[in-house]
Amino acid sequence: MMQNYAHIAFTDEVKRLQTEYGSRNAYARREAELGANGLSEAEAAFISEQDSFYFATQSESGFPYIQHRGGPKGFLKVITPTTLGFTDFRGNKQYITVGNLATNTKASLFLMDYAQRIRLKIFAEARIIPIAEAEKSEPELVRLLAPDDYAHHAERLIVLDIQAIDWNCSQHITPRYTAEQVAKAWEKESRYIASLEAEIRYLKEQLANTHYSPKL
């Protein structure tokens, strides 16, 4: 069973501030709830639709580091109801996140759906598997986490053992839409415009065959 998200997030100082500002009673009830047995179908479906997430780790200097991770839709995959994983692509070779995880395996993920104004927060313990090692010891996992039809150079797998999850409120999330979402929303209008353009071409051709050819 995963932990209650509040058990991890609500430290003593957090609770003190909740008390000071009048929200402690409400959040105490949430803290008393049991953790989930694992990801629900709704959460797994939400994760499979994401093409990016924000990935937070902590460095040896004590500073948090947040990285934007992107890829094809569904590149962050559900392995089991309590485990996620993804192929770590070669990037700019700074290796800050990987270096942080080498000394502190705790991580936090934010998955954002700006169009629907919802976000899923995840606490996890991370495990790094170099790709050469994974290909020998866990070839099925390599195949599972490999993104389909996406050019990339895999350097490692990152497996995330989920500790807790929490859906966050929609407040202050500005709706934003991907090019794919905009194209889908305008699909009917695009077809209508295409039909009008085809009709105009046809009429031009018909007028070209007459003695009178006004400019359209």
N, C-alpha and C. Protein backbone atom coordinates (compact mmCIF):
# COMPACT_ATOMS: atom_id res chain seq x y z
N MET A 1 0.84 -1.20 0.00
CA MET A 1 0.00 0.00 0.00
C MET A 1 0.88 1.25 0.00
N MET A 2 0.53 2.23 -0.82
CA MET A 2 1.24 3.49 -0.84
C MET A 2 0.85 4.31 0.39
N GLN A 3 1.73 5.23 0.75
CA GLN A 3 1.46 6.09 1.89
C GLN A 3 0.43 7.16 1.53
N ASN A 4 -0.15 7.74 2.58
CA ASN A 4 -0.94 8.94 2.42
C ASN A 4 0.02 10.08 2.07
N TYR A 5 -0.28 10.83 1.02
CA TYR A 5 0.61 11.89 0.57
C TYR A 5 0.91 12.89 1.69
N ALA A 6 -0.10 13.17 2.50
CA ALA A 6 0.06 14.14 3.58
C ALA A 6 1.05 13.68 4.63
N HIS A 7 1.19 12.36 4.83
CA HIS A 7 2.14 11.85 5.81
C HIS A 7 3.56 12.28 5.48
N ILE A 8 3.84 12.38 4.19
CA ILE A 8 5.18 12.80 3.76
C ILE A 8 5.27 14.32 3.68
N ALA A 9 4.26 14.95 3.12
CA ALA A 9 4.31 16.39 2.84
C ALA A 9 4.12 17.25 4.08
N PHE A 10 3.31 16.79 5.03
CA PHE A 10 2.98 17.62 6.19
C PHE A 10 3.99 17.39 7.31
N THR A 11 5.08 18.11 7.26
CA THR A 11 6.07 18.07 8.32
C THR A 11 5.56 18.86 9.53
N ASP A 12 6.32 18.81 10.62
CA ASP A 12 5.91 19.53 11.83
C ASP A 12 5.76 21.03 11.55
N GLU A 13 6.67 21.60 10.78
CA GLU A 13 6.59 23.03 10.49
C GLU A 13 5.40 23.33 9.59
N VAL A 14 5.13 22.45 8.67
CA VAL A 14 3.95 22.63 7.80
C VAL A 14 2.68 22.61 8.65
N LYS A 15 2.60 21.68 9.57
CA LYS A 15 1.43 21.59 10.44
C LYS A 15 1.29 22.84 11.31
N ARG A 16 2.43 23.36 11.77
CA ARG A 16 2.39 24.57 12.59
C ARG A 16 1.80 25.74 11.80
N LEU A 17 2.21 25.85 10.54
CA LEU A 17 1.69 26.93 9.70
C LEU A 17 0.22 26.72 9.37
N GLN A 18 -0.19 25.48 9.17
CA GLN A 18 -1.60 25.19 8.93
C GLN A 18 -2.44 25.61 10.14
N THR A 19 -1.91 25.34 11.31
CA THR A 19 -2.61 25.76 12.53
C THR A 19 -2.69 27.27 12.62
N GLU A 20 -1.59 27.94 12.33
CA GLU A 20 -1.55 29.40 12.41
C GLU A 20 -2.52 30.05 11.45
N TYR A 21 -2.67 29.48 10.26
CA TYR A 21 -3.51 30.11 9.25
C TYR A 21 -4.89 29.46 9.11
N GLY A 22 -5.23 28.56 10.03
CA GLY A 22 -6.60 28.08 10.13
C GLY A 22 -7.01 26.93 9.25
N SER A 23 -6.05 26.21 8.64
CA SER A 23 -6.43 25.10 7.76
C SER A 23 -6.11 23.74 8.35
N ARG A 24 -5.58 23.71 9.56
CA ARG A 24 -5.10 22.45 10.12
C ARG A 24 -6.21 21.42 10.31
N ASN A 25 -7.37 21.83 10.81
CA ASN A 25 -8.44 20.87 11.06
C ASN A 25 -8.86 20.14 9.79
N ALA A 26 -8.98 20.88 8.70
CA ALA A 26 -9.38 20.26 7.43
C ALA A 26 -8.31 19.31 6.94
N TYR A 27 -7.05 19.73 7.03
CA TYR A 27 -5.97 18.88 6.53
C TYR A 27 -5.67 17.72 7.47
N ALA A 28 -6.01 17.84 8.73
CA ALA A 28 -5.83 16.72 9.66
C ALA A 28 -6.71 15.55 9.25
N ARG A 29 -7.91 15.87 8.74
CA ARG A 29 -8.81 14.79 8.28
C ARG A 29 -8.21 14.09 7.07
N ARG A 30 -7.61 14.87 6.17
CA ARG A 30 -6.96 14.25 5.00
C ARG A 30 -5.77 13.40 5.42
N GLU A 31 -5.05 13.88 6.41
CA GLU A 31 -3.87 13.16 6.89
C GLU A 31 -4.26 11.82 7.52
N ALA A 32 -5.47 11.74 8.05
CA ALA A 32 -5.93 10.52 8.70
C ALA A 32 -6.39 9.45 7.71
N GLU A 33 -6.55 9.84 6.45
CA GLU A 33 -7.02 8.88 5.45
C GLU A 33 -5.92 7.85 5.15
N LEU A 34 -6.35 6.68 4.74
CA LEU A 34 -5.40 5.63 4.38
C LEU A 34 -4.81 5.92 3.01
N GLY A 35 -3.63 5.39 2.78
CA GLY A 35 -3.03 5.51 1.46
C GLY A 35 -3.71 4.57 0.48
N ALA A 36 -3.47 4.80 -0.79
CA ALA A 36 -4.09 3.96 -1.84
C ALA A 36 -3.33 2.66 -1.99
N ASN A 37 -4.02 1.63 -2.47
CA ASN A 37 -3.36 0.35 -2.74
C ASN A 37 -2.44 0.44 -3.94
N GLY A 38 -2.70 1.38 -4.80
CA GLY A 38 -1.91 1.57 -6.01
C GLY A 38 -2.63 2.53 -6.93
N LEU A 39 -2.06 2.76 -8.10
CA LEU A 39 -2.69 3.64 -9.06
C LEU A 39 -4.03 3.08 -9.50
N SER A 40 -5.03 3.93 -9.57
CA SER A 40 -6.32 3.52 -10.12
C SER A 40 -6.26 3.54 -11.64
N GLU A 41 -7.31 3.03 -12.28
CA GLU A 41 -7.36 3.07 -13.74
C GLU A 41 -7.35 4.51 -14.25
N ALA A 42 -8.01 5.40 -13.51
CA ALA A 42 -8.06 6.81 -13.93
C ALA A 42 -6.67 7.43 -13.89
N GLU A 43 -5.91 7.14 -12.84
CA GLU A 43 -4.56 7.69 -12.72
C GLU A 43 -3.62 7.10 -13.77
N ALA A 44 -3.74 5.79 -14.01
CA ALA A 44 -2.91 5.16 -15.03
C ALA A 44 -3.22 5.74 -16.41
N ALA A 45 -4.50 5.97 -16.69
CA ALA A 45 -4.90 6.54 -17.97
C ALA A 45 -4.37 7.97 -18.11
N PHE A 46 -4.44 8.74 -17.04
CA PHE A 46 -3.93 10.11 -17.06
C PHE A 46 -2.44 10.13 -17.36
N ILE A 47 -1.68 9.27 -16.70
CA ILE A 47 -0.24 9.20 -16.91
C ILE A 47 0.08 8.83 -18.36
N SER A 48 -0.68 7.90 -18.93
CA SER A 48 -0.41 7.43 -20.29
C SER A 48 -0.64 8.51 -21.34
N GLU A 49 -1.37 9.56 -20.99
CA GLU A 49 -1.66 10.64 -21.94
C GLU A 49 -0.66 11.79 -21.88
N GLN A 50 0.27 11.74 -20.92
CA GLN A 50 1.18 12.87 -20.75
C GLN A 50 2.42 12.74 -21.62
N ASP A 51 2.86 13.87 -22.17
CA ASP A 51 4.09 13.88 -22.96
C ASP A 51 5.21 14.64 -22.26
N SER A 52 5.00 14.99 -20.99
CA SER A 52 6.04 15.65 -20.21
C SER A 52 5.66 15.62 -18.74
N PHE A 53 6.66 15.87 -17.91
CA PHE A 53 6.40 16.05 -16.48
C PHE A 53 7.57 16.83 -15.88
N TYR A 54 7.35 17.37 -14.68
CA TYR A 54 8.39 18.06 -13.95
C TYR A 54 8.96 17.10 -12.89
N PHE A 55 10.28 17.03 -12.85
CA PHE A 55 10.97 16.00 -12.07
C PHE A 55 11.90 16.70 -11.07
N ALA A 56 11.60 16.59 -9.77
CA ALA A 56 12.36 17.28 -8.74
C ALA A 56 13.24 16.31 -7.96
N THR A 57 14.49 16.70 -7.78
CA THR A 57 15.44 15.94 -6.97
C THR A 57 16.17 16.93 -6.07
N GLN A 58 17.00 16.40 -5.16
CA GLN A 58 17.77 17.28 -4.27
C GLN A 58 19.25 16.99 -4.42
N SER A 59 20.04 18.07 -4.57
CA SER A 59 21.47 17.93 -4.79
C SER A 59 22.22 17.79 -3.47
N GLU A 60 23.49 17.42 -3.57
CA GLU A 60 24.33 17.32 -2.38
C GLU A 60 24.55 18.69 -1.74
N SER A 61 24.34 19.76 -2.51
CA SER A 61 24.46 21.11 -1.95
C SER A 61 23.25 21.50 -1.12
N GLY A 62 22.20 20.66 -1.15
CA GLY A 62 20.99 20.94 -0.39
C GLY A 62 19.92 21.65 -1.18
N PHE A 63 20.26 22.12 -2.39
CA PHE A 63 19.28 22.82 -3.20
C PHE A 63 18.43 21.83 -4.00
N PRO A 64 17.12 22.09 -4.11
CA PRO A 64 16.29 21.27 -4.99
C PRO A 64 16.58 21.61 -6.44
N TYR A 65 16.36 20.64 -7.30
CA TYR A 65 16.55 20.85 -8.74
C TYR A 65 15.32 20.31 -9.45
N ILE A 66 14.74 21.12 -10.33
CA ILE A 66 13.55 20.71 -11.06
C ILE A 66 13.89 20.64 -12.54
N GLN A 67 13.61 19.51 -13.13
CA GLN A 67 13.89 19.31 -14.54
C GLN A 67 12.60 19.01 -15.29
N HIS A 68 12.49 19.57 -16.49
CA HIS A 68 11.36 19.23 -17.37
C HIS A 68 11.76 18.02 -18.19
N ARG A 69 10.99 16.96 -18.09
CA ARG A 69 11.22 15.75 -18.88
C ARG A 69 10.13 15.63 -19.94
N GLY A 70 10.53 15.46 -21.18
CA GLY A 70 9.56 15.34 -22.26
C GLY A 70 9.87 14.17 -23.18
N GLY A 71 8.88 13.79 -23.96
CA GLY A 71 9.02 12.69 -24.90
C GLY A 71 7.70 12.47 -25.61
N PRO A 72 7.57 11.35 -26.30
CA PRO A 72 6.28 11.06 -26.93
C PRO A 72 5.22 10.77 -25.88
N LYS A 73 3.98 10.96 -26.24
CA LYS A 73 2.88 10.73 -25.30
C LYS A 73 2.98 9.31 -24.73
N GLY A 74 2.94 9.21 -23.41
CA GLY A 74 2.99 7.91 -22.75
C GLY A 74 4.39 7.38 -22.51
N PHE A 75 5.43 8.22 -22.67
CA PHE A 75 6.79 7.71 -22.47
C PHE A 75 7.05 7.38 -21.00
N LEU A 76 6.34 8.04 -20.09
CA LEU A 76 6.35 7.63 -18.68
C LEU A 76 5.32 6.51 -18.55
N LYS A 77 5.80 5.31 -18.25
CA LYS A 77 4.92 4.14 -18.32
C LYS A 77 4.62 3.56 -16.94
N VAL A 78 3.42 3.03 -16.81
CA VAL A 78 3.02 2.32 -15.60
C VAL A 78 3.52 0.89 -15.73
N ILE A 79 4.45 0.48 -14.83
CA ILE A 79 4.97 -0.88 -14.84
C ILE A 79 4.08 -1.79 -14.01
N THR A 80 3.78 -1.33 -12.80
CA THR A 80 2.82 -1.99 -11.92
C THR A 80 1.98 -0.88 -11.27
N PRO A 81 0.95 -1.20 -10.52
CA PRO A 81 0.16 -0.15 -9.87
C PRO A 81 0.95 0.72 -8.90
N THR A 82 2.16 0.28 -8.51
CA THR A 82 2.97 1.08 -7.59
C THR A 82 4.35 1.42 -8.17
N THR A 83 4.52 1.21 -9.48
CA THR A 83 5.83 1.45 -10.09
C THR A 83 5.68 2.12 -11.44
N LEU A 84 6.46 3.17 -11.66
CA LEU A 84 6.54 3.83 -12.96
C LEU A 84 7.96 3.70 -13.49
N GLY A 85 8.13 3.96 -14.78
CA GLY A 85 9.47 3.93 -15.33
C GLY A 85 9.53 4.63 -16.67
N PHE A 86 10.73 5.05 -17.06
CA PHE A 86 10.91 5.66 -18.36
C PHE A 86 12.35 5.49 -18.82
N THR A 87 12.54 5.56 -20.12
CA THR A 87 13.87 5.54 -20.70
C THR A 87 14.46 6.94 -20.62
N ASP A 88 15.67 7.01 -20.09
CA ASP A 88 16.35 8.30 -19.97
C ASP A 88 17.13 8.55 -21.25
N PHE A 89 16.70 9.56 -22.02
CA PHE A 89 17.34 9.86 -23.29
C PHE A 89 18.61 10.69 -23.07
N ARG A 90 19.53 10.57 -24.01
CA ARG A 90 20.71 11.43 -23.97
C ARG A 90 20.29 12.87 -24.23
N GLY A 91 20.75 13.79 -23.40
CA GLY A 91 20.39 15.20 -23.55
C GLY A 91 21.62 16.07 -23.64
N ASN A 92 21.67 17.10 -22.79
CA ASN A 92 22.79 18.04 -22.85
C ASN A 92 23.99 17.59 -22.03
N LYS A 93 23.92 16.41 -21.44
CA LYS A 93 25.02 15.79 -20.70
C LYS A 93 25.44 16.56 -19.44
N GLN A 94 24.50 17.27 -18.83
CA GLN A 94 24.80 17.87 -17.53
C GLN A 94 24.68 16.84 -16.40
N TYR A 95 23.71 15.93 -16.52
CA TYR A 95 23.53 14.82 -15.57
C TYR A 95 23.25 15.29 -14.14
N ILE A 96 22.55 16.41 -14.01
CA ILE A 96 22.25 16.92 -12.67
C ILE A 96 21.25 16.01 -11.95
N THR A 97 20.15 15.69 -12.64
CA THR A 97 19.14 14.82 -12.01
C THR A 97 19.71 13.46 -11.68
N VAL A 98 20.43 12.86 -12.61
CA VAL A 98 21.01 11.53 -12.38
C VAL A 98 22.02 11.58 -11.25
N GLY A 99 22.83 12.65 -11.22
CA GLY A 99 23.80 12.80 -10.14
C GLY A 99 23.13 12.96 -8.79
N ASN A 100 22.05 13.73 -8.76
CA ASN A 100 21.30 13.90 -7.51
C ASN A 100 20.74 12.57 -7.02
N LEU A 101 20.20 11.79 -7.95
CA LEU A 101 19.59 10.52 -7.57
C LEU A 101 20.62 9.50 -7.10
N ALA A 102 21.87 9.69 -7.51
CA ALA A 102 22.93 8.78 -7.09
C ALA A 102 23.22 8.91 -5.59
N THR A 103 22.91 10.08 -5.02
CA THR A 103 23.18 10.31 -3.60
C THR A 103 21.91 10.45 -2.78
N ASN A 104 20.77 10.70 -3.44
CA ASN A 104 19.49 10.82 -2.74
C ASN A 104 18.41 10.31 -3.69
N THR A 105 17.86 9.17 -3.40
CA THR A 105 16.92 8.52 -4.32
C THR A 105 15.51 9.08 -4.27
N LYS A 106 15.26 10.00 -3.36
CA LYS A 106 13.91 10.57 -3.24
C LYS A 106 13.66 11.57 -4.37
N ALA A 107 12.46 11.48 -4.95
CA ALA A 107 12.09 12.35 -6.07
C ALA A 107 10.63 12.73 -5.97
N SER A 108 10.28 13.81 -6.66
CA SER A 108 8.89 14.27 -6.72
C SER A 108 8.57 14.59 -8.17
N LEU A 109 7.39 14.17 -8.61
CA LEU A 109 6.95 14.42 -9.98
C LEU A 109 5.68 15.26 -9.97
N PHE A 110 5.59 16.19 -10.89
CA PHE A 110 4.35 16.93 -11.17
C PHE A 110 3.96 16.63 -12.60
N LEU A 111 2.79 16.05 -12.79
CA LEU A 111 2.24 15.81 -14.12
C LEU A 111 1.11 16.81 -14.34
N MET A 112 1.25 17.64 -15.36
CA MET A 112 0.32 18.74 -15.59
C MET A 112 -0.52 18.50 -16.85
N ASP A 113 -1.82 18.69 -16.73
CA ASP A 113 -2.71 18.75 -17.88
C ASP A 113 -3.29 20.16 -17.88
N TYR A 114 -2.66 21.03 -18.66
CA TYR A 114 -3.07 22.43 -18.65
C TYR A 114 -4.46 22.63 -19.27
N ALA A 115 -4.77 21.83 -20.28
CA ALA A 115 -6.06 21.99 -20.96
C ALA A 115 -7.22 21.69 -20.01
N GLN A 116 -7.06 20.62 -19.20
CA GLN A 116 -8.12 20.25 -18.26
C GLN A 116 -7.92 20.88 -16.88
N ARG A 117 -6.78 21.57 -16.70
CA ARG A 117 -6.47 22.26 -15.46
C ARG A 117 -6.44 21.29 -14.27
N ILE A 118 -5.70 20.19 -14.45
CA ILE A 118 -5.51 19.23 -13.36
C ILE A 118 -4.03 18.84 -13.30
N ARG A 119 -3.60 18.41 -12.11
CA ARG A 119 -2.21 17.99 -11.95
C ARG A 119 -2.16 16.84 -10.95
N LEU A 120 -1.24 15.94 -11.20
CA LEU A 120 -1.04 14.79 -10.33
C LEU A 120 0.36 14.90 -9.73
N LYS A 121 0.43 14.84 -8.40
CA LYS A 121 1.70 14.92 -7.70
C LYS A 121 2.09 13.52 -7.22
N ILE A 122 3.38 13.20 -7.35
CA ILE A 122 3.85 11.87 -7.00
C ILE A 122 5.15 11.98 -6.20
N PHE A 123 5.21 11.31 -5.05
CA PHE A 123 6.45 11.09 -4.33
C PHE A 123 6.95 9.70 -4.71
N ALA A 124 8.25 9.56 -4.95
CA ALA A 124 8.77 8.26 -5.37
C ALA A 124 10.22 8.08 -4.93
N GLU A 125 10.63 6.84 -4.86
CA GLU A 125 12.03 6.46 -4.69
C GLU A 125 12.51 5.97 -6.06
N ALA A 126 13.63 6.53 -6.51
CA ALA A 126 14.10 6.24 -7.86
C ALA A 126 15.23 5.20 -7.86
N ARG A 127 15.21 4.39 -8.90
CA ARG A 127 16.28 3.42 -9.13
C ARG A 127 16.81 3.60 -10.54
N ILE A 128 18.12 3.75 -10.68
CA ILE A 128 18.74 3.97 -11.98
C ILE A 128 19.39 2.67 -12.45
N ILE A 129 19.10 2.30 -13.71
CA ILE A 129 19.69 1.09 -14.30
C ILE A 129 20.37 1.50 -15.61
N PRO A 130 21.71 1.46 -15.67
CA PRO A 130 22.39 1.76 -16.93
C PRO A 130 21.86 0.86 -18.05
N ILE A 131 21.73 1.40 -19.25
CA ILE A 131 21.06 0.68 -20.32
C ILE A 131 21.78 -0.62 -20.66
N ALA A 132 23.13 -0.63 -20.63
CA ALA A 132 23.87 -1.85 -20.95
C ALA A 132 23.57 -2.94 -19.93
N GLU A 133 23.47 -2.54 -18.66
CA GLU A 133 23.13 -3.51 -17.61
C GLU A 133 21.71 -4.00 -17.76
N ALA A 134 20.78 -3.07 -18.06
CA ALA A 134 19.38 -3.44 -18.21
C ALA A 134 19.17 -4.39 -19.37
N GLU A 135 19.89 -4.18 -20.48
CA GLU A 135 19.73 -5.05 -21.65
C GLU A 135 20.14 -6.49 -21.34
N LYS A 136 21.04 -6.66 -20.39
CA LYS A 136 21.47 -8.00 -20.00
C LYS A 136 20.57 -8.61 -18.93
N SER A 137 20.22 -7.80 -17.93
CA SER A 137 19.50 -8.35 -16.77
C SER A 137 17.99 -8.22 -16.86
N GLU A 138 17.50 -7.17 -17.55
CA GLU A 138 16.05 -6.94 -17.61
C GLU A 138 15.62 -6.53 -19.02
N PRO A 139 15.85 -7.40 -20.01
CA PRO A 139 15.52 -7.03 -21.40
C PRO A 139 14.04 -6.73 -21.61
N GLU A 140 13.16 -7.42 -20.88
CA GLU A 140 11.72 -7.15 -21.03
C GLU A 140 11.38 -5.75 -20.55
N LEU A 141 12.04 -5.29 -19.50
CA LEU A 141 11.81 -3.93 -19.01
C LEU A 141 12.31 -2.91 -20.02
N VAL A 142 13.43 -3.19 -20.65
CA VAL A 142 13.95 -2.30 -21.70
C VAL A 142 12.93 -2.15 -22.81
N ARG A 143 12.36 -3.27 -23.24
CA ARG A 143 11.36 -3.22 -24.32
C ARG A 143 10.10 -2.49 -23.87
N LEU A 144 9.69 -2.72 -22.63
CA LEU A 144 8.48 -2.07 -22.12
C LEU A 144 8.64 -0.56 -22.08
N LEU A 145 9.80 -0.08 -21.66
CA LEU A 145 9.99 1.35 -21.46
C LEU A 145 10.48 2.07 -22.71
N ALA A 146 10.84 1.33 -23.74
CA ALA A 146 11.30 1.98 -24.97
C ALA A 146 10.13 2.67 -25.66
N PRO A 147 10.25 3.96 -25.96
CA PRO A 147 9.16 4.67 -26.64
C PRO A 147 9.04 4.22 -28.08
N ASP A 148 7.80 4.09 -28.55
CA ASP A 148 7.56 3.65 -29.93
C ASP A 148 7.75 4.80 -30.91
N ASP A 149 8.38 4.50 -32.04
CA ASP A 149 8.48 5.45 -33.16
C ASP A 149 9.01 6.81 -32.70
N TYR A 150 10.08 6.78 -31.92
CA TYR A 150 10.66 8.03 -31.43
C TYR A 150 12.18 7.90 -31.46
N ALA A 151 12.82 8.74 -32.25
CA ALA A 151 14.28 8.69 -32.38
C ALA A 151 14.91 9.14 -31.06
N HIS A 152 15.76 8.31 -30.49
CA HIS A 152 16.41 8.66 -29.23
C HIS A 152 17.64 7.79 -29.02
N HIS A 153 18.47 8.23 -28.09
CA HIS A 153 19.62 7.43 -27.65
C HIS A 153 19.43 7.15 -26.17
N ALA A 154 19.17 5.90 -25.82
CA ALA A 154 18.91 5.54 -24.44
C ALA A 154 20.22 5.39 -23.68
N GLU A 155 20.31 6.04 -22.53
CA GLU A 155 21.49 5.91 -21.68
C GLU A 155 21.21 5.07 -20.43
N ARG A 156 19.96 5.10 -19.98
CA ARG A 156 19.63 4.37 -18.75
C ARG A 156 18.10 4.26 -18.63
N LEU A 157 17.68 3.42 -17.73
CA LEU A 157 16.28 3.37 -17.33
C LEU A 157 16.16 3.98 -15.94
N ILE A 158 15.08 4.68 -15.70
CA ILE A 158 14.80 5.19 -14.37
C ILE A 158 13.47 4.59 -13.92
N VAL A 159 13.52 3.82 -12.85
CA VAL A 159 12.34 3.16 -12.30
C VAL A 159 11.95 3.88 -11.01
N LEU A 160 10.68 4.16 -10.87
CA LEU A 160 10.18 4.96 -9.75
C LEU A 160 9.20 4.13 -8.92
N ASP A 161 9.59 3.85 -7.69
CA ASP A 161 8.70 3.16 -6.75
C ASP A 161 7.85 4.22 -6.06
N ILE A 162 6.57 4.22 -6.37
CA ILE A 162 5.67 5.27 -5.88
C ILE A 162 5.46 5.14 -4.38
N GLN A 163 5.66 6.25 -3.68
CA GLN A 163 5.43 6.28 -2.23
C GLN A 163 4.07 6.88 -1.89
N ALA A 164 3.64 7.87 -2.68
CA ALA A 164 2.36 8.53 -2.42
C ALA A 164 1.97 9.36 -3.64
N ILE A 165 0.68 9.58 -3.80
CA ILE A 165 0.17 10.41 -4.89
C ILE A 165 -0.90 11.35 -4.35
N ASP A 166 -1.13 12.43 -5.10
CA ASP A 166 -2.18 13.36 -4.69
C ASP A 166 -2.61 14.18 -5.90
N TRP A 167 -3.91 14.29 -6.11
CA TRP A 167 -4.44 15.19 -7.13
C TRP A 167 -4.51 16.59 -6.54
N ASN A 168 -4.08 17.57 -7.30
CA ASN A 168 -4.08 18.94 -6.82
C ASN A 168 -5.23 19.73 -7.44
N CYS A 169 -5.57 20.84 -6.80
CA CYS A 169 -6.70 21.63 -7.27
C CYS A 169 -6.34 22.41 -8.54
N SER A 170 -7.36 22.94 -9.19
CA SER A 170 -7.17 23.61 -10.48
C SER A 170 -6.86 25.10 -10.34
N GLN A 171 -6.85 25.59 -9.12
CA GLN A 171 -6.68 27.02 -8.90
C GLN A 171 -5.35 27.51 -9.50
N HIS A 172 -5.44 28.61 -10.24
CA HIS A 172 -4.29 29.30 -10.83
C HIS A 172 -3.61 28.52 -11.96
N ILE A 173 -4.21 27.44 -12.45
CA ILE A 173 -3.66 26.75 -13.62
C ILE A 173 -4.28 27.39 -14.86
N THR A 174 -3.49 28.09 -15.62
CA THR A 174 -3.97 28.74 -16.84
C THR A 174 -4.11 27.70 -17.94
N PRO A 175 -5.28 27.58 -18.57
CA PRO A 175 -5.44 26.60 -19.65
C PRO A 175 -4.48 26.88 -20.80
N ARG A 176 -3.78 25.86 -21.23
CA ARG A 176 -2.91 25.92 -22.40
C ARG A 176 -3.15 24.67 -23.23
N TYR A 177 -3.00 24.80 -24.55
CA TYR A 177 -3.35 23.70 -25.43
C TYR A 177 -2.20 23.38 -26.37
N THR A 178 -2.00 22.11 -26.63
CA THR A 178 -0.98 21.69 -27.57
C THR A 178 -1.47 21.90 -29.00
N ALA A 179 -0.54 21.86 -29.95
CA ALA A 179 -0.91 21.99 -31.35
C ALA A 179 -1.87 20.88 -31.75
N GLU A 180 -1.66 19.68 -31.22
CA GLU A 180 -2.54 18.54 -31.52
C GLU A 180 -3.95 18.81 -31.01
N GLN A 181 -4.07 19.35 -29.80
CA GLN A 181 -5.39 19.62 -29.23
C GLN A 181 -6.11 20.72 -30.00
N VAL A 182 -5.36 21.75 -30.42
CA VAL A 182 -5.97 22.83 -31.21
C VAL A 182 -6.45 22.30 -32.55
N ALA A 183 -5.62 21.48 -33.19
CA ALA A 183 -5.99 20.91 -34.49
C ALA A 183 -7.25 20.06 -34.37
N LYS A 184 -7.35 19.28 -33.29
CA LYS A 184 -8.52 18.44 -33.09
C LYS A 184 -9.77 19.27 -32.85
N ALA A 185 -9.61 20.36 -32.06
CA ALA A 185 -10.76 21.22 -31.76
C ALA A 185 -11.28 21.91 -33.02
N TRP A 186 -10.37 22.22 -33.95
CA TRP A 186 -10.74 22.93 -35.17
C TRP A 186 -10.92 21.99 -36.36
N GLU A 187 -11.02 20.71 -36.10
CA GLU A 187 -11.11 19.73 -37.19
C GLU A 187 -12.33 19.98 -38.08
N LYS A 188 -13.49 20.22 -37.47
CA LYS A 188 -14.71 20.45 -38.24
C LYS A 188 -14.58 21.71 -39.08
N GLU A 189 -14.08 22.80 -38.48
CA GLU A 189 -13.92 24.05 -39.21
C GLU A 189 -12.89 23.91 -40.33
N SER A 190 -11.84 23.14 -40.07
CA SER A 190 -10.80 22.95 -41.09
C SER A 190 -11.36 22.21 -42.30
N ARG A 191 -12.21 21.21 -42.03
CA ARG A 191 -12.83 20.48 -43.15
C ARG A 191 -13.75 21.41 -43.95
N TYR A 192 -14.49 22.28 -43.23
CA TYR A 192 -15.39 23.21 -43.90
C TYR A 192 -14.61 24.19 -44.76
N ILE A 193 -13.51 24.72 -44.23
CA ILE A 193 -12.67 25.65 -45.01
C ILE A 193 -12.09 24.95 -46.23
N ALA A 194 -11.67 23.70 -46.06
CA ALA A 194 -11.12 22.95 -47.19
C ALA A 194 -12.17 22.76 -48.28
N SER A 195 -13.42 22.50 -47.86
CA SER A 195 -14.48 22.32 -48.85
C SER A 195 -14.77 23.62 -49.58
N LEU A 196 -14.73 24.76 -48.87
CA LEU A 196 -14.94 26.05 -49.51
C LEU A 196 -13.82 26.36 -50.50
N GLU A 197 -12.58 26.04 -50.12
CA GLU A 197 -11.45 26.28 -51.01
C GLU A 197 -11.58 25.43 -52.27
N ALA A 198 -12.04 24.18 -52.11
CA ALA A 198 -12.22 23.31 -53.27
C ALA A 198 -13.32 23.86 -54.18
N GLU A 199 -14.38 24.38 -53.57
CA GLU A 199 -15.48 24.95 -54.36
C GLU A 199 -15.01 26.19 -55.13
N ILE A 200 -14.20 27.02 -54.49
CA ILE A 200 -13.68 28.22 -55.15
C ILE A 200 -12.80 27.82 -56.34
N ARG A 201 -11.96 26.79 -56.15
CA ARG A 201 -11.11 26.34 -57.26
C ARG A 201 -11.96 25.86 -58.43
N TYR A 202 -13.03 25.12 -58.09
CA TYR A 202 -13.93 24.61 -59.14
C TYR A 202 -14.59 25.75 -59.90
N LEU A 203 -15.09 26.76 -59.15
CA LEU A 203 -15.74 27.89 -59.79
C LEU A 203 -14.77 28.68 -60.66
N LYS A 204 -13.54 28.83 -60.21
CA LYS A 204 -12.53 29.51 -61.02
C LYS A 204 -12.29 28.77 -62.33
N GLU A 205 -12.23 27.45 -62.23
CA GLU A 205 -12.02 26.65 -63.44
C GLU A 205 -13.19 26.81 -64.40
N GLN A 206 -14.42 26.85 -63.84
CA GLN A 206 -15.60 27.01 -64.69
C GLN A 206 -15.60 28.38 -65.35
N LEU A 207 -15.26 29.42 -64.59
CA LEU A 207 -15.23 30.77 -65.15
C LEU A 207 -14.12 30.93 -66.18
N ALA A 208 -13.02 30.18 -65.97
CA ALA A 208 -11.91 30.28 -66.94
C ALA A 208 -12.30 29.78 -68.31
N ASN A 209 -13.33 28.94 -68.37
CA ASN A 209 -13.76 28.40 -69.63
C ASN A 209 -14.82 29.25 -70.31
N THR A 210 -15.16 30.38 -69.70
CA THR A 210 -16.13 31.29 -70.29
C THR A 210 -15.40 32.53 -70.80
N HIS A 211 -16.13 33.43 -71.55
CA HIS A 211 -15.52 34.64 -72.06
C HIS A 211 -15.31 35.66 -70.95
N TYR A 212 -16.09 35.55 -69.87
CA TYR A 212 -16.00 36.52 -68.78
C TYR A 212 -15.28 35.87 -67.60
N SER A 213 -14.13 36.41 -67.20
CA SER A 213 -13.34 35.82 -66.13
C SER A 213 -12.97 36.86 -65.08
N PRO A 214 -13.90 37.21 -64.21
CA PRO A 214 -13.59 38.19 -63.16
C PRO A 214 -12.55 37.64 -62.20
N LYS A 215 -11.80 38.53 -61.58
CA LYS A 215 -10.81 38.12 -60.59
C LYS A 215 -11.52 37.81 -59.26
N LEU A 216 -11.26 36.63 -58.74
CA LEU A 216 -11.84 36.23 -57.45
C LEU A 216 -10.83 36.41 -56.35
